[in-house]
Amino acid sequence: MATSSITKSFVISGKDQVEKFANAIEESYQESLHRAPAPDMKITYLRGTDAVKHFMARRKKMNA
């Protein structure tokens, strides 16, 4: 649960609800410690004309 996505104020009442909310935040934090960050971009090295042709054909097919 990303707390930055909470954009409105809300009220949590009752012991059970407060515990569930706190547990959800703790679980989200623990999960974030074990998640490997995804790279922002994938780098492709092209060597030779055949590799460039293959790459451009795939690009054209995906963007069609």
C-alpha atoms as a PDB file:
ATOM      1  CA  MET A   1       0.000   0.000   0.000  1.00  0.00           C
ATOM      2  CA  ALA A   2       1.555   3.234  -1.102  1.00  0.00           C
ATOM      3  CA  THR A   3       0.811   5.933   1.449  1.00  0.00           C
ATOM      4  CA  SER A   4       1.534   8.590  -1.161  1.00  0.00           C
ATOM      5  CA  SER A   5      -1.636   7.479  -2.948  1.00  0.00           C
ATOM      6  CA  ILE A   6      -3.754   8.495   0.046  1.00  0.00           C
ATOM      7  CA  THR A   7      -5.016  11.924  -0.961  1.00  0.00           C
ATOM      8  CA  LYS A   8      -7.964  12.426   1.369  1.00  0.00           C
ATOM      9  CA  SER A   9      -8.294  12.460   5.120  1.00  0.00           C
ATOM     10  CA  PHE A  10     -10.046   9.529   6.711  1.00  0.00           C
ATOM     11  CA  VAL A  11     -10.840   8.375  10.231  1.00  0.00           C
ATOM     12  CA  ILE A  12     -10.045   4.938  11.597  1.00  0.00           C
ATOM     13  CA  SER A  13     -12.030   4.031  14.670  1.00  0.00           C
ATOM     14  CA  GLY A  14     -12.123   0.936  16.766  1.00  0.00           C
ATOM     15  CA  LYS A  15      -9.258  -1.127  18.066  1.00  0.00           C
ATOM     16  CA  ASP A  16      -9.608  -3.823  15.398  1.00  0.00           C
ATOM     17  CA  GLN A  17      -9.618  -1.320  12.534  1.00  0.00           C
ATOM     18  CA  VAL A  18      -6.598   0.509  13.927  1.00  0.00           C
ATOM     19  CA  GLU A  19      -4.675  -2.752  14.285  1.00  0.00           C
ATOM     20  CA  LYS A  20      -5.572  -3.837  10.743  1.00  0.00           C
ATOM     21  CA  PHE A  21      -4.421  -0.492   9.349  1.00  0.00           C
ATOM     22  CA  ALA A  22      -1.157  -0.567  11.301  1.00  0.00           C
ATOM     23  CA  ASN A  23      -0.525  -4.172  10.226  1.00  0.00           C
ATOM     24  CA  ALA A  24      -1.145  -3.275   6.586  1.00  0.00           C
ATOM     25  CA  ILE A  25       1.373  -0.431   6.764  1.00  0.00           C
ATOM     26  CA  GLU A  26       3.940  -2.652   8.484  1.00  0.00           C
ATOM     27  CA  GLU A  27       3.402  -5.458   5.941  1.00  0.00           C
ATOM     28  CA  SER A  28       3.805  -3.016   3.064  1.00  0.00           C
ATOM     29  CA  TYR A  29       7.038  -1.704   4.553  1.00  0.00           C
ATOM     30  CA  GLN A  30       8.434  -5.210   5.085  1.00  0.00           C
ATOM     31  CA  GLU A  31       7.517  -6.139   1.514  1.00  0.00           C
ATOM     32  CA  SER A  32       9.342  -3.101   0.166  1.00  0.00           C
ATOM     33  CA  LEU A  33      12.539  -4.224   1.893  1.00  0.00           C
ATOM     34  CA  HIS A  34      12.607  -7.454  -0.116  1.00  0.00           C
ATOM     35  CA  ARG A  35      11.500  -6.101  -3.486  1.00  0.00           C
ATOM     36  CA  ALA A  36      14.304  -5.583  -5.982  1.00  0.00           C
ATOM     37  CA  PRO A  37      14.003  -2.236  -7.742  1.00  0.00           C
ATOM     38  CA  ALA A  38      13.054  -2.608 -11.398  1.00  0.00           C
ATOM     39  CA  PRO A  39      15.418  -0.958 -13.840  1.00  0.00           C
ATOM     40  CA  ASP A  40      14.103   2.187 -15.499  1.00  0.00           C
ATOM     41  CA  MET A  41      15.180   1.083 -18.939  1.00  0.00           C
ATOM     42  CA  LYS A  42      16.404  -1.937 -20.818  1.00  0.00           C
ATOM     43  CA  ILE A  43      19.563  -1.496 -22.854  1.00  0.00           C
ATOM     44  CA  THR A  44      19.918  -3.390 -26.106  1.00  0.00           C
ATOM     45  CA  TYR A  45      23.242  -3.637 -27.896  1.00  0.00           C
ATOM     46  CA  LEU A  46      22.988  -4.045 -31.638  1.00  0.00           C
ATOM     47  CA  ARG A  47      25.944  -5.436 -33.541  1.00  0.00           C
ATOM     48  CA  GLY A  48      25.793  -5.876 -37.285  1.00  0.00           C
ATOM     49  CA  THR A  49      23.222  -5.101 -39.924  1.00  0.00           C
ATOM     50  CA  ASP A  50      21.179  -8.254 -39.287  1.00  0.00           C
ATOM     51  CA  ALA A  51      20.688  -7.331 -35.625  1.00  0.00           C
ATOM     52  CA  VAL A  52      19.622  -3.798 -36.579  1.00  0.00           C
ATOM     53  CA  LYS A  53      17.157  -5.121 -39.196  1.00  0.00           C
ATOM     54  CA  HIS A  54      15.691  -7.602 -36.707  1.00  0.00           C
ATOM     55  CA  PHE A  55      15.360  -4.918 -34.037  1.00  0.00           C
ATOM     56  CA  MET A  56      13.672  -2.457 -36.415  1.00  0.00           C
ATOM     57  CA  ALA A  57      11.276  -5.151 -37.672  1.00  0.00           C
ATOM     58  CA  ARG A  58      10.255  -5.956 -34.069  1.00  0.00           C
ATOM     59  CA  ARG A  59       9.878  -2.248 -33.301  1.00  0.00           C
ATOM     60  CA  LYS A  60       7.717  -1.686 -36.389  1.00  0.00           C
ATOM     61  CA  LYS A  61       5.567  -4.708 -35.519  1.00  0.00           C
ATOM     62  CA  MET A  62       5.061  -3.566 -31.900  1.00  0.00           C
ATOM     63  CA  ASN A  63       4.224   0.036 -32.864  1.00  0.00           C
ATOM     64  CA  ALA A  64       1.861  -0.831 -35.731  1.00  0.00           C
END
